[in-house]
Each structure stands twice: as structure tokens, then as C-alpha cells.
């Protein structure tokens, strides 16, 4: 075992007592974060507007400060991007994390302070590996390279002094030299702006490296890994990287991809999968137990104060909002955050569901605006992922991408859902796949089941199987290639369905 591997493991293990202290005192930890944020926020334009000087309790905060969307905060963010400072956060802001969002085509620019880099993103990256080492003390992952699949950077569109880009690119650009040494590809390749050229260069470089870990979004990781296999002529990635150990994934649900990775990409029971919940707004949660698939430990000392809003109140400016100590298990909450980057009571757009308390573990259950509810069925991402997974299990299929939306009532016909699915392995029986998909949705969602009863409101879903590469080409044509862009899984409109199906019709003609 190399000295570097031994040294890094020893350093990372020293982080575990702090994580354990956070787990033991969640309420105290969050109260300390809250006090620090309010103290810093007093010295900002926003803090003076909302009289932070007289805020003493969380209740004061919740009564005085409305919950904000990106659109609410954008005037302050735009002024910051143009060079004004101390509007939302007292320290200088030079970096902005760019996010396209999933249901909104307009780019969002999230301020990234030095505090949010140090206390959230960097701390999250270190803790991620510390928890992996705690789960696997014999790991040799630091004897090789960590492959990071990131986005790109460009100049601040409003001001030449500053940069904007995918959060992974912002973090990568600011990594210390020791962290750059243990990752691949080189920073100049990792930050290339032309996605397809970057994938080609990454494949060429990493195919010759001793890669032991990957950090990336499953969908875009698959694109790169398939390029590596095509380049090398190998059957699976372990033939290219025999010392590979762990795939660290986030941003999209991994369950539909799990079988594909486990059986074809990394066909070995020794490969581990670790889930993280990080976003442009901050680093939120890490899977602390590799046996608890899909569950992540909420990290409470990263400079983020969390509030949890019952989904039925998610769009209210002053909703009922719970602190970490008040949440209940197995209920969906819209996530609201205040951060050391200057986001105040900000709607992230995600919904979460707690699976345990003390320690507080959660699952990302969906998006507040990423659902199908055209007929009162309230189908969320978690429902869809469960149904897709079960249909795959029953039919031996693996799914690489999908999207779904409504077919509206009209001309004397009832409504239904319509799915476009790209398989990496076709189901043994397509009709069975469709039936299991529908039946599982009925089992996990009582509202959907009620609408499907005797086909009174919803008829059985229409499912289209499209050729491999369809979603990649669709995203490419939309200018949405890159790590920060994700295929929209569910939509309450037919915008995405009609676009994809229209392209398929044009190609067939």
C-alpha cells in the first residue's frame, strides 16, 4: 500500500469524530449555524431590509423573512454579478454556480462565497471520502486516480471580474494542488466547454490511467464510459480499470441505472456505490452507510440552515416550516435553505423524505415542480423510479433514460400518461413491462390508483421504446449537453414529450 493512500486515509479518519458529534447533537448544531448566518447577514443589504439586528429566534426569522424563489432573489443576484457587494452576503462574491434547472430553461446563477466553498463544498467532498473510508477501511482508492466528470466555466456575463459555471467546475477550479494531483483528467480538459470534444479527450486520457473512483452524474458517466469501451475495445470497464473501487453518484436517481452498472459496466460485487446530495446551492447529504441504499445522512454543520415545508404549503410565502427536530418520518417536505452564500429561505425545488431520526437520514423524493398532476394523481419522481425499477426487475430490462407526461382528456376520451423510455436492455416482454409499470404506480400512489379505477379518469399508460442514443441527441439538439443538465423525468405538460416524439416522427419519415 502506498504512502499517499495510507496518509490520506489517516487524515480522513480524523474527520469522523466531528461527523459523529454532529449526528449526536443535531438541534444544537443547526442552532449554531442559524446564529452564525444571522450574525453575518446583519451586515448585508438584505439583512438591513429584514431587520436581522432584532432577530433572536428561528420563529422571528420565519415571521419576518418570506420564503423566496430564484426569481425573488434574482434582482439581488444580478446586481452582485454586475459588481455590487454585500447585498446578500458580507464577503466578496466572485464565483457563480450556473444551473439550468430541470423545468426552467433559463439559466440560474447561484452566488458562491469563499465560506460556501470551504465549509460546504470542500468539507462535503472530504467527508464523502471520510465516510467511504469508514465503511471500507481496507480501501486502496488513493493508490489510483479519481475521475471527476464536471462542467465548464466562462466569464461572468455581466462583469469581466468573475466566473460562472457548473458547480463541479467552480469547485474543481478552486481545489488545492494536492487534490488536483489525485484526480483526472487534467483541469484544462475537465473544464473544456465543448462537451463532445471533452468526452473524447477524457476517454483518451483516462483509458490510460489507473482510475479507482468516479464522481459524476450517472447519465453522463455512462456516456463517458461507453466512449472508453469503444476506444479500448473492452467488454466492461473493469477490463480497463482493474483496480476500480467506487462510483460516487448524485443529481439524478440511481436506482434505474443500478442493474446496468452492476451487471455490465462494473460486473463485480466488490464495486461500491455511494450516493451524495449536492447542488449548485450547497452540499447537503452523504450516504454514510453503504448498506442503506438510497438513504443519506443530512450534513448539518456545512453553513446551511434547513427548513422543511409540508408539500401542500410549498408555494406560500410564509408557510408552516419545520426545523430538523420537528420533522416526521416518511412525509414529503419541500426543502428550504439559508446558506453561507447568501441564499435566505430559498426554495431549492426538491422534496425530501426522512427515513430515520437520530441520525437524520433522508431520501430525495422528487421535485416540487417535477411531477405529473394533470388529473389529481400527484405522481412524483419517487413513484416513477419505483415503478421503473420494478418493471425492469420483472422483465430483465435496464433503462438508460426516460421522460413522462400527460395525455389530456378530450373528444370523449379519458386521460392517461405517456412514457418515452430508452432501454439499454430491452424487456423480455414489452407488454409485461408496461403492465408492471402501471400496476406498481397504482400500488405506491393511492391517488393514481383512484384515477385508474375502472379506467374512469386515467386509461393505461402509453409507453414508447425509443432507440439508444435518442435522449443524448435530444439533449444535444436542445443545447443541453453537460453535467449540469438532466433529462426531465416528469412534466405536467407535454412540452418534452411532443418535442421528442416529433423528432422521432421526422426521423422515421
Protein backbone atom coordinates (compact mmCIF):
# COMPACT_ATOMS: atom_id res chain seq x y z
CA UNK A 1 0.00 0.00 0.00
CA UNK A 2 1.41 3.41 -0.99
CA UNK A 3 2.36 6.09 1.50
CA UNK A 4 -0.12 8.51 -0.12
CA UNK A 5 -3.01 6.09 0.33
CA UNK A 6 -2.07 5.46 3.97
CA UNK A 7 -1.62 9.15 4.74
CA UNK A 8 -4.87 10.29 3.16
CA UNK A 9 -6.84 7.56 4.91
CA UNK A 10 -5.34 8.60 8.26
CA UNK A 11 -6.20 12.25 7.63
CA UNK A 12 -9.74 11.43 6.57
CA UNK A 13 -10.37 9.21 9.58
CA UNK A 14 -9.67 12.23 11.79
CA UNK A 15 -12.84 13.85 10.40
CA UNK A 16 -15.14 11.12 11.68
CA UNK A 17 -15.39 12.32 15.33
CA UNK A 18 -16.69 15.71 14.12
CA UNK A 19 -19.33 13.96 12.00
CA UNK A 20 -20.32 11.79 14.96
CA UNK A 21 -20.66 14.89 17.17
CA UNK A 22 -22.97 16.46 14.57
CA UNK A 23 -25.07 13.28 14.49
CA UNK A 24 -25.33 13.25 18.29
CA UNK A 25 -26.39 16.92 18.62
CA UNK A 26 -28.42 17.81 15.52
CA UNK A 27 -30.56 20.54 17.06
CA UNK A 28 -27.63 22.29 18.72
CA UNK A 29 -25.63 22.07 15.52
CA UNK A 30 -28.36 23.70 13.46
CA UNK A 31 -28.96 26.41 16.07
CA UNK A 32 -25.26 27.29 15.94
CA UNK A 33 -25.41 27.53 12.14
CA UNK A 34 -28.53 29.70 12.38
CA UNK A 35 -26.89 32.14 14.80
CA UNK A 36 -23.78 32.41 12.61
CA UNK A 37 -25.84 33.10 9.50
CA UNK A 38 -27.96 35.78 11.16
CA UNK A 39 -24.84 37.41 12.63
CA UNK A 40 -23.20 37.57 9.20
CA UNK A 41 -26.44 38.54 7.46
CA UNK A 42 -26.82 41.68 9.58
CA UNK A 43 -24.04 43.28 7.56
CA UNK A 44 -25.86 42.99 4.23
CA UNK A 45 -28.45 44.99 2.34
CA UNK A 46 -30.86 42.07 2.68
CA UNK A 47 -30.25 41.83 6.41
CA UNK A 48 -30.97 45.53 6.94
CA UNK A 49 -34.14 45.25 4.87
CA UNK A 50 -35.40 42.41 7.05
CA UNK A 51 -34.12 43.82 10.36
CA UNK A 52 -31.72 40.99 11.16
CA UNK A 53 -30.42 43.07 14.09
CA UNK A 54 -33.56 42.21 16.05
CA UNK A 55 -33.88 38.55 15.06
CA UNK A 56 -33.32 36.40 18.13
CA UNK A 57 -35.05 33.12 17.32
CA UNK A 58 -35.95 30.90 14.39
CA UNK A 59 -39.56 31.96 14.93
CA UNK A 60 -38.57 35.62 14.49
CA UNK A 61 -36.77 34.67 11.29
CA UNK A 62 -39.73 32.74 9.90
CA UNK A 63 -42.19 35.53 10.68
CA UNK A 64 -40.03 38.29 9.21
CA UNK A 65 -38.39 36.73 6.15
CA UNK A 66 -40.55 35.27 3.35
CA UNK A 67 -39.64 32.06 1.58
CA UNK A 68 -38.00 33.03 -1.72
CA UNK A 69 -37.83 31.56 -5.20
CA UNK A 70 -34.91 32.19 -7.50
CA UNK A 71 -36.97 34.86 -9.23
CA UNK A 72 -37.42 36.67 -5.89
CA UNK A 73 -33.67 36.76 -5.25
CA UNK A 74 -32.57 37.36 -8.83
CA UNK A 75 -32.56 41.20 -8.64
CA UNK A 76 -30.00 40.96 -5.81
CA UNK A 77 -28.00 38.26 -7.61
CA UNK A 78 -27.96 40.27 -10.85
CA UNK A 79 -26.66 43.34 -9.03
CA UNK A 80 -23.99 41.20 -7.40
CA UNK A 81 -22.97 39.82 -10.78
CA UNK A 82 -22.64 43.40 -12.01
CA UNK A 83 -20.18 44.15 -9.23
CA UNK A 84 -22.15 45.32 -6.19
CA UNK A 85 -21.19 43.59 -2.96
CA UNK A 86 -22.70 42.91 0.47
CA UNK A 87 -26.21 42.63 -0.92
CA UNK A 88 -26.96 39.07 0.23
CA UNK A 89 -23.69 38.06 1.91
CA UNK A 90 -20.97 40.21 3.55
CA UNK A 91 -17.85 38.67 1.96
CA UNK A 92 -16.97 39.31 -1.67
CA UNK A 93 -18.62 37.13 -4.31
CA UNK A 94 -16.61 36.37 -7.46
CA UNK A 95 -17.97 32.93 -8.38
CA UNK A 96 -21.43 31.92 -9.53
CA UNK A 97 -22.71 28.40 -9.94
CA UNK A 98 -24.79 28.08 -13.08
CA UNK A 99 -27.77 25.77 -13.12
CA UNK A 100 -30.25 25.31 -15.94
CA UNK A 101 -32.85 23.82 -13.64
CA UNK A 102 -34.97 20.91 -14.79
CA UNK A 103 -38.25 22.59 -15.60
CA UNK A 104 -36.97 26.08 -16.33
CA UNK A 105 -34.84 26.65 -19.43
CA UNK A 106 -33.46 29.95 -18.16
CA UNK A 107 -30.06 29.71 -16.51
CA UNK A 108 -29.84 30.32 -12.79
CA UNK A 109 -26.74 31.84 -11.22
CA UNK A 110 -26.15 30.96 -7.57
CA UNK A 111 -23.60 33.08 -5.64
CA UNK A 112 -20.67 31.04 -4.32
CA UNK A 113 -18.81 32.68 -1.43
CA UNK A 114 -15.47 31.57 -0.08
CA UNK A 115 -17.33 30.35 3.01
CA UNK A 116 -19.65 28.16 0.94
CA UNK A 117 -16.67 26.73 -0.92
CA UNK A 118 -14.72 25.97 2.26
CA UNK A 119 -17.49 25.00 4.68
CA UNK A 120 -19.92 23.30 2.30
CA UNK A 121 -18.49 22.05 -0.99
CA UNK A 122 -14.92 21.27 0.12
CA UNK A 123 -16.00 19.93 3.50
CA UNK A 124 -18.60 17.78 1.79
CA UNK A 125 -16.01 16.34 -0.58
CA UNK A 126 -13.67 15.45 2.27
CA UNK A 127 -16.45 13.99 4.41
CA UNK A 128 -17.71 11.98 1.46
CA UNK A 129 -14.36 10.20 1.27
CA UNK A 130 -14.04 10.02 5.07
CA UNK A 131 -17.34 8.14 5.27
CA UNK A 132 -16.30 5.86 2.43
CA UNK A 133 -13.07 5.03 4.28
CA UNK A 134 -15.09 4.41 7.46
CA UNK A 135 -17.21 1.91 5.53
CA UNK A 136 -14.22 0.33 3.80
CA UNK A 137 -11.06 0.69 5.94
CA UNK A 138 -9.09 -1.58 3.60
CA UNK A 139 -9.64 0.72 0.62
CA UNK A 140 -6.78 1.41 -1.79
CA UNK A 141 -8.66 4.04 -3.75
CA UNK A 142 -5.95 6.69 -3.22
CA UNK A 143 -3.40 4.48 -4.96
CA UNK A 144 -5.09 5.50 -8.20
CA UNK A 145 -6.88 8.49 -9.66
CA UNK A 146 -10.35 9.83 -9.01
CA UNK A 147 -12.19 10.63 -12.23
CA UNK A 148 -14.36 13.74 -11.95
CA UNK A 149 -16.97 14.49 -14.59
CA UNK A 150 -17.62 18.20 -14.41
CA UNK A 151 -18.99 21.07 -16.42
CA UNK A 152 -17.31 24.17 -17.78
CA UNK A 153 -16.54 27.74 -16.75
CA UNK A 154 -16.99 31.02 -18.55
CA UNK A 155 -16.69 34.67 -17.68
CA UNK A 156 -19.40 36.34 -15.66
CA UNK A 157 -21.83 37.53 -18.39
CA UNK A 158 -22.35 40.84 -16.57
CA UNK A 159 -18.82 41.62 -15.41
CA UNK A 160 -15.36 40.59 -16.59
CA UNK A 161 -14.23 40.25 -12.95
CA UNK A 162 -15.62 36.86 -12.01
CA UNK A 163 -16.65 33.50 -13.38
CA UNK A 164 -19.76 31.37 -13.71
CA UNK A 165 -20.19 27.71 -14.47
CA UNK A 166 -21.42 24.34 -13.33
CA UNK A 167 -20.86 23.86 -9.59
CA UNK A 168 -18.48 20.97 -10.26
CA UNK A 169 -16.37 23.27 -12.44
CA UNK A 170 -16.34 26.03 -9.81
CA UNK A 171 -15.24 23.55 -7.16
CA UNK A 172 -12.67 21.91 -9.45
CA UNK A 173 -11.09 25.24 -10.36
CA UNK A 174 -10.64 26.12 -6.69
CA UNK A 175 -9.30 22.76 -5.48
CA UNK A 176 -5.92 22.83 -3.70
CA UNK A 177 -2.92 21.38 -5.54
CA UNK A 178 -2.89 18.13 -3.54
CA UNK A 179 -6.48 17.43 -4.57
CA UNK A 180 -5.67 18.19 -8.23
CA UNK A 181 -2.83 15.66 -8.02
CA UNK A 182 -5.13 12.73 -7.16
CA UNK A 183 -7.80 13.43 -9.77
CA UNK A 184 -8.09 13.03 -13.53
CA UNK A 185 -8.32 14.34 -16.24
CA UNK A 186 -6.15 17.48 -16.08
CA UNK A 187 -8.05 20.63 -15.18
CA UNK A 188 -7.70 22.11 -18.69
CA UNK A 189 -9.52 19.07 -20.11
CA UNK A 190 -12.06 18.79 -17.31
CA UNK A 191 -13.19 22.37 -17.92
CA UNK A 192 -13.41 22.24 -21.73
CA UNK A 193 -16.60 23.93 -22.89
CA UNK A 194 -17.39 21.74 -25.91
CA UNK A 195 -18.95 18.71 -24.29
CA UNK A 196 -18.41 16.16 -27.05
CA UNK A 197 -14.78 17.19 -27.57
CA UNK A 198 -14.28 16.98 -23.82
CA UNK A 199 -15.74 13.47 -23.63
CA UNK A 200 -13.40 12.32 -26.38
CA UNK A 201 -10.33 13.81 -24.66
CA UNK A 202 -11.40 12.45 -21.27
CA UNK A 203 -11.80 8.97 -22.75
CA UNK A 204 -8.37 9.12 -24.41
CA UNK A 205 -6.63 10.26 -21.23
CA UNK A 206 -8.42 8.21 -18.60
CA UNK A 207 -8.26 4.97 -20.61
CA UNK A 208 -4.52 5.02 -19.86
CA UNK A 209 -4.89 5.91 -16.17
CA UNK A 210 -5.29 3.76 -13.06
CA UNK A 211 -8.77 5.04 -12.23
CA UNK A 212 -10.08 3.79 -8.87
CA UNK A 213 -13.13 6.02 -8.36
CA UNK A 214 -15.61 8.14 -10.30
CA UNK A 215 -17.60 11.15 -9.15
CA UNK A 216 -20.39 12.12 -11.53
CA UNK A 217 -23.99 12.09 -12.71
CA UNK A 218 -24.97 8.53 -13.79
CA UNK A 219 -26.35 9.58 -17.19
CA UNK A 220 -23.23 11.48 -18.24
CA UNK A 221 -20.91 8.91 -16.66
CA UNK A 222 -22.49 6.31 -18.94
CA UNK A 223 -21.72 8.45 -21.99
CA UNK A 224 -18.07 8.69 -20.99
CA UNK A 225 -17.73 5.03 -20.03
CA UNK A 226 -19.26 3.85 -23.29
CA UNK A 227 -16.74 6.07 -25.11
CA UNK A 228 -13.90 4.47 -23.12
CA UNK A 229 -15.16 0.98 -24.00
CA UNK A 230 -15.46 1.88 -27.69
CA UNK A 231 -11.94 3.31 -27.64
CA UNK A 232 -10.35 0.33 -25.93
CA UNK A 233 -12.46 -2.46 -27.40
CA UNK A 234 -13.03 -3.90 -23.90
CA UNK A 235 -16.24 -5.57 -22.75
CA UNK A 236 -16.55 -3.82 -19.40
CA UNK A 237 -14.78 -1.06 -17.51
CA UNK A 238 -13.05 -3.41 -15.07
CA UNK A 239 -11.02 -4.68 -18.01
CA UNK A 240 -9.80 -1.10 -18.46
CA UNK A 241 -9.50 -0.17 -14.77
CA UNK A 242 -8.97 -3.42 -12.82
CA UNK A 243 -8.40 -1.55 -9.53
CA UNK A 244 -11.64 0.42 -9.69
CA UNK A 245 -13.49 0.57 -6.33
CA UNK A 246 -16.31 3.10 -6.02
CA UNK A 247 -18.76 5.12 -8.10
CA UNK A 248 -19.95 8.24 -6.27
CA UNK A 249 -23.17 9.50 -7.81
CA UNK A 250 -25.73 12.24 -7.38
CA UNK A 251 -28.09 14.68 -9.16
CA UNK A 252 -30.44 12.00 -10.56
CA UNK A 253 -31.92 8.88 -9.00
CA UNK A 254 -29.55 5.94 -9.37
CA UNK A 255 -31.99 3.07 -8.95
CA UNK A 256 -32.92 2.74 -12.67
CA UNK A 257 -29.21 2.52 -13.52
CA UNK A 258 -28.10 0.22 -10.71
CA UNK A 259 -28.53 -3.05 -12.59
CA UNK A 260 -26.83 -1.69 -15.68
CA UNK A 261 -23.77 -0.56 -13.72
CA UNK A 262 -23.62 -3.69 -11.55
CA UNK A 263 -24.09 -6.22 -14.36
CA UNK A 264 -22.43 -4.62 -17.38
CA UNK A 265 -20.26 -1.62 -16.57
CA UNK A 266 -18.68 -2.89 -13.33
CA UNK A 267 -19.59 -6.60 -13.21
CA UNK A 268 -18.20 -7.33 -9.76
CA UNK A 269 -19.89 -7.50 -6.33
CA UNK A 270 -16.84 -5.75 -4.90
CA UNK A 271 -17.65 -2.41 -6.54
CA UNK A 272 -19.28 0.05 -4.16
CA UNK A 273 -21.78 2.82 -4.88
CA UNK A 274 -22.02 5.90 -2.70
CA UNK A 275 -24.75 8.50 -3.11
CA UNK A 276 -24.39 12.20 -2.40
CA UNK A 277 -26.82 15.10 -2.47
CA UNK A 278 -25.02 18.17 -3.69
CA UNK A 279 -26.34 21.02 -5.78
CA UNK A 280 -25.46 24.47 -7.04
CA UNK A 281 -26.75 25.82 -3.72
CA UNK A 282 -24.60 23.63 -1.49
CA UNK A 283 -23.56 20.16 -0.38
CA UNK A 284 -26.39 18.69 1.67
CA UNK A 285 -26.15 14.96 2.36
CA UNK A 286 -23.92 11.88 2.06
CA UNK A 287 -24.64 8.17 2.23
CA UNK A 288 -22.93 7.24 5.49
CA UNK A 289 -23.78 3.52 5.40
CA UNK A 290 -23.19 1.65 2.14
CA UNK A 291 -25.76 -0.95 3.18
CA UNK A 292 -28.53 1.66 3.41
CA UNK A 293 -29.12 2.13 -0.32
CA UNK A 294 -30.80 5.40 -1.23
CA UNK A 295 -30.53 6.89 2.26
CA UNK A 296 -28.20 9.79 3.03
CA UNK A 297 -27.08 11.49 6.21
CA UNK A 298 -28.09 15.17 6.30
CA UNK A 299 -24.93 17.18 6.98
CA UNK A 300 -25.93 19.82 9.50
CA UNK A 301 -22.68 21.77 10.01
CA UNK A 302 -21.97 22.96 6.47
CA UNK A 303 -23.17 26.54 6.91
CA UNK A 304 -26.71 25.70 5.75
CA UNK A 305 -29.78 26.15 7.93
CA UNK A 306 -32.55 23.80 6.86
CA UNK A 307 -36.31 24.20 6.98
CA UNK A 308 -38.81 21.60 5.87
CA UNK A 309 -42.17 22.67 4.44
CA UNK A 310 -45.12 20.29 4.00
CA UNK A 311 -45.57 19.97 0.25
CA UNK A 312 -49.12 21.32 0.34
CA UNK A 313 -47.73 24.64 1.61
CA UNK A 314 -44.66 24.74 -0.62
CA UNK A 315 -45.69 27.78 -2.67
CA UNK A 316 -46.79 30.00 0.24
CA UNK A 317 -44.53 32.98 1.12
CA UNK A 318 -44.92 32.25 4.85
CA UNK A 319 -45.62 28.52 5.05
CA UNK A 320 -45.58 26.28 8.06
CA UNK A 321 -41.89 25.40 8.22
CA UNK A 322 -40.29 22.81 10.48
CA UNK A 323 -36.77 22.66 11.86
CA UNK A 324 -34.73 19.46 11.90
CA UNK A 325 -36.04 18.47 15.33
CA UNK A 326 -39.67 18.80 14.25
CA UNK A 327 -39.73 16.63 11.14
CA UNK A 328 -41.59 13.33 10.99
CA UNK A 329 -40.62 10.14 9.22
CA UNK A 330 -41.96 9.16 5.81
CA UNK A 331 -43.52 12.53 4.98
CA UNK A 332 -42.58 14.56 1.93
CA UNK A 333 -41.19 18.02 2.64
CA UNK A 334 -40.14 20.80 0.30
CA UNK A 335 -36.59 21.80 1.18
CA UNK A 336 -35.94 25.44 2.14
CA UNK A 337 -32.40 26.62 2.92
CA UNK A 338 -30.48 29.62 4.20
CA UNK A 339 -26.79 29.46 3.33
CA UNK A 340 -23.36 30.98 3.80
CA UNK A 341 -23.54 32.04 0.17
CA UNK A 342 -26.40 34.47 0.79
CA UNK A 343 -29.49 32.44 -0.04
CA UNK A 344 -32.20 33.27 2.51
CA UNK A 345 -35.16 30.94 2.99
CA UNK A 346 -34.63 29.74 -0.56
CA UNK A 347 -36.79 27.07 -2.20
CA UNK A 348 -34.40 24.51 -3.62
CA UNK A 349 -37.19 22.84 -5.59
CA UNK A 350 -36.53 19.36 -4.18
CA UNK A 351 -38.72 17.30 -1.91
CA UNK A 352 -37.18 15.02 0.71
CA UNK A 353 -38.46 12.27 2.96
CA UNK A 354 -36.79 11.28 6.22
CA UNK A 355 -36.11 7.59 6.75
CA UNK A 356 -34.55 7.88 10.23
CA UNK A 357 -34.12 10.35 13.08
CA UNK A 358 -31.02 10.50 15.28
CA UNK A 359 -29.22 10.33 12.96
CA UNK A 360 -31.27 12.21 10.39
CA UNK A 361 -31.19 10.33 7.12
CA UNK A 362 -33.29 11.22 4.10
CA UNK A 363 -34.13 10.34 0.55
CA UNK A 364 -34.66 12.84 -2.24
CA UNK A 365 -38.24 12.01 -3.21
CA UNK A 366 -38.78 14.40 -6.12
CA UNK A 367 -39.15 17.96 -7.28
CA UNK A 368 -41.79 20.45 -6.22
CA UNK A 369 -42.30 21.27 -9.90
CA UNK A 370 -41.23 17.93 -11.35
CA UNK A 371 -44.34 15.76 -11.22
CA UNK A 372 -47.46 14.78 -13.11
CA UNK A 373 -50.68 16.08 -11.57
CA UNK A 374 -52.85 16.75 -14.61
CA UNK A 375 -55.72 14.73 -13.15
CA UNK A 376 -55.14 14.94 -9.38
CA UNK A 377 -52.87 11.88 -9.39
CA UNK A 378 -49.80 13.64 -7.91
CA UNK A 379 -47.20 11.25 -9.32
CA UNK A 380 -43.74 12.26 -8.08
CA UNK A 381 -40.25 11.16 -9.08
CA UNK A 382 -40.01 8.60 -6.29
CA UNK A 383 -43.18 6.88 -7.56
CA UNK A 384 -41.82 6.79 -11.11
CA UNK A 385 -38.41 5.46 -10.08
CA UNK A 386 -40.02 2.68 -8.01
CA UNK A 387 -42.28 1.68 -10.90
CA UNK A 388 -39.48 1.72 -13.49
CA UNK A 389 -37.23 -0.33 -11.20
CA UNK A 390 -39.86 -2.98 -10.53
CA UNK A 391 -40.81 -3.27 -14.21
CA UNK A 392 -37.13 -3.79 -15.04
CA UNK A 393 -36.76 -6.44 -12.35
CA UNK A 394 -39.79 -8.35 -13.66
CA UNK A 395 -38.69 -8.30 -17.28
CA UNK A 396 -34.88 -8.28 -17.20
CA UNK A 397 -34.77 -4.80 -18.71
CA UNK A 398 -32.42 -1.93 -17.97
CA UNK A 399 -33.39 1.68 -18.64
CA UNK A 400 -30.89 4.37 -19.59
CA UNK A 401 -33.28 7.34 -19.78
CA UNK A 402 -36.95 8.22 -19.74
CA UNK A 403 -39.48 11.01 -19.51
CA UNK A 404 -43.24 11.02 -18.97
CA UNK A 405 -46.17 13.41 -19.14
CA UNK A 406 -49.95 13.55 -19.52
CA UNK A 407 -52.28 12.79 -22.40
CA UNK A 408 -55.13 15.19 -21.79
CA UNK A 409 -58.81 14.33 -21.86
CA UNK A 410 -60.73 15.31 -24.96
CA UNK A 411 -63.05 14.18 -27.74
CA UNK A 412 -64.84 11.84 -25.38
CA UNK A 413 -61.65 10.06 -24.25
CA UNK A 414 -60.19 9.85 -20.78
CA UNK A 415 -56.71 10.96 -19.90
CA UNK A 416 -53.63 8.82 -19.46
CA UNK A 417 -49.87 9.07 -19.01
CA UNK A 418 -47.41 8.72 -21.85
CA UNK A 419 -43.85 7.48 -21.37
CA UNK A 420 -40.82 7.64 -23.64
CA UNK A 421 -38.22 5.11 -22.50
CA UNK A 422 -34.76 4.34 -23.82
CA UNK A 423 -33.63 0.83 -22.89
CA UNK A 424 -30.05 -0.32 -22.74
CA UNK A 425 -31.55 -3.84 -22.47
CA UNK A 426 -34.99 -4.44 -23.93
CA UNK A 427 -37.53 -6.16 -21.66
CA UNK A 428 -38.16 -9.84 -22.30
CA UNK A 429 -41.81 -8.94 -22.75
CA UNK A 430 -42.68 -5.32 -23.51
CA UNK A 431 -46.36 -5.71 -22.60
CA UNK A 432 -45.40 -7.13 -19.20
CA UNK A 433 -43.08 -4.18 -18.63
CA UNK A 434 -45.93 -1.76 -19.34
CA UNK A 435 -48.33 -3.67 -17.10
CA UNK A 436 -45.91 -3.82 -14.16
CA UNK A 437 -45.12 -0.13 -14.58
CA UNK A 438 -48.81 0.73 -14.35
CA UNK A 439 -49.58 -1.73 -11.53
CA UNK A 440 -46.65 -0.52 -9.43
CA UNK A 441 -47.73 3.11 -9.77
CA UNK A 442 -51.15 2.03 -8.54
CA UNK A 443 -49.58 0.28 -5.57
CA UNK A 444 -47.33 3.15 -4.47
CA UNK A 445 -49.67 6.07 -5.22
CA UNK A 446 -53.26 5.88 -3.98
CA UNK A 447 -54.29 8.99 -5.96
CA UNK A 448 -53.08 7.44 -9.19
CA UNK A 449 -54.83 4.19 -8.27
CA UNK A 450 -58.10 6.02 -7.66
CA UNK A 451 -57.91 7.71 -11.05
CA UNK A 452 -57.10 4.38 -12.73
CA UNK A 453 -60.06 2.57 -11.11
CA UNK A 454 -62.10 1.04 -13.96
CA UNK A 455 -60.30 3.49 -16.30
CA UNK A 456 -62.76 6.12 -15.07
CA UNK A 457 -60.29 9.02 -15.27
CA UNK A 458 -57.00 7.52 -16.46
CA UNK A 459 -56.57 4.78 -19.02
CA UNK A 460 -53.46 2.54 -19.01
CA UNK A 461 -50.31 4.41 -19.96
CA UNK A 462 -48.87 4.58 -23.45
CA UNK A 463 -45.20 3.54 -23.47
CA UNK A 464 -42.80 4.20 -26.36
CA UNK A 465 -39.46 2.39 -26.58
CA UNK A 466 -37.01 4.58 -28.49
CA UNK A 467 -33.61 3.68 -29.97
CA UNK A 468 -30.42 4.02 -27.97
CA UNK A 469 -28.94 7.48 -28.17
CA UNK A 470 -32.32 9.19 -28.56
CA UNK A 471 -32.09 11.20 -25.36
CA UNK A 472 -28.46 12.11 -25.97
CA UNK A 473 -29.33 13.50 -29.40
CA UNK A 474 -32.38 15.27 -27.99
CA UNK A 475 -30.34 16.95 -25.26
CA UNK A 476 -27.65 17.82 -27.81
CA UNK A 477 -30.17 19.47 -30.13
CA UNK A 478 -31.51 21.49 -27.20
CA UNK A 479 -28.01 22.68 -26.32
CA UNK A 480 -28.24 20.80 -23.02
CA UNK A 481 -25.18 18.56 -23.10
CA UNK A 482 -23.10 18.70 -19.95
CA UNK A 483 -23.05 17.66 -16.33
CA UNK A 484 -25.40 20.39 -15.10
CA UNK A 485 -28.19 19.31 -17.48
CA UNK A 486 -30.52 16.44 -16.66
CA UNK A 487 -33.26 14.77 -18.66
CA UNK A 488 -36.58 15.97 -17.19
CA UNK A 489 -38.21 12.85 -15.82
CA UNK A 490 -41.77 14.03 -15.26
CA UNK A 491 -43.64 17.03 -16.55
CA UNK A 492 -47.14 18.32 -16.01
CA UNK A 493 -47.19 19.44 -19.64
CA UNK A 494 -46.46 17.76 -22.98
CA UNK A 495 -43.56 20.08 -23.86
CA UNK A 496 -40.85 17.42 -23.69
CA UNK A 497 -42.96 14.52 -24.92
CA UNK A 498 -44.11 16.33 -28.03
CA UNK A 499 -40.59 17.51 -28.82
CA UNK A 500 -39.06 14.02 -28.55
CA UNK A 501 -41.90 12.23 -30.32
CA UNK A 502 -41.96 14.90 -33.02
CA UNK A 503 -38.26 14.37 -33.69
CA UNK A 504 -38.80 10.61 -33.85
CA UNK A 505 -41.59 11.06 -36.40
CA UNK A 506 -39.38 13.35 -38.52
CA UNK A 507 -36.55 10.77 -38.49
CA UNK A 508 -38.88 7.91 -39.45
CA UNK A 509 -40.25 9.92 -42.37
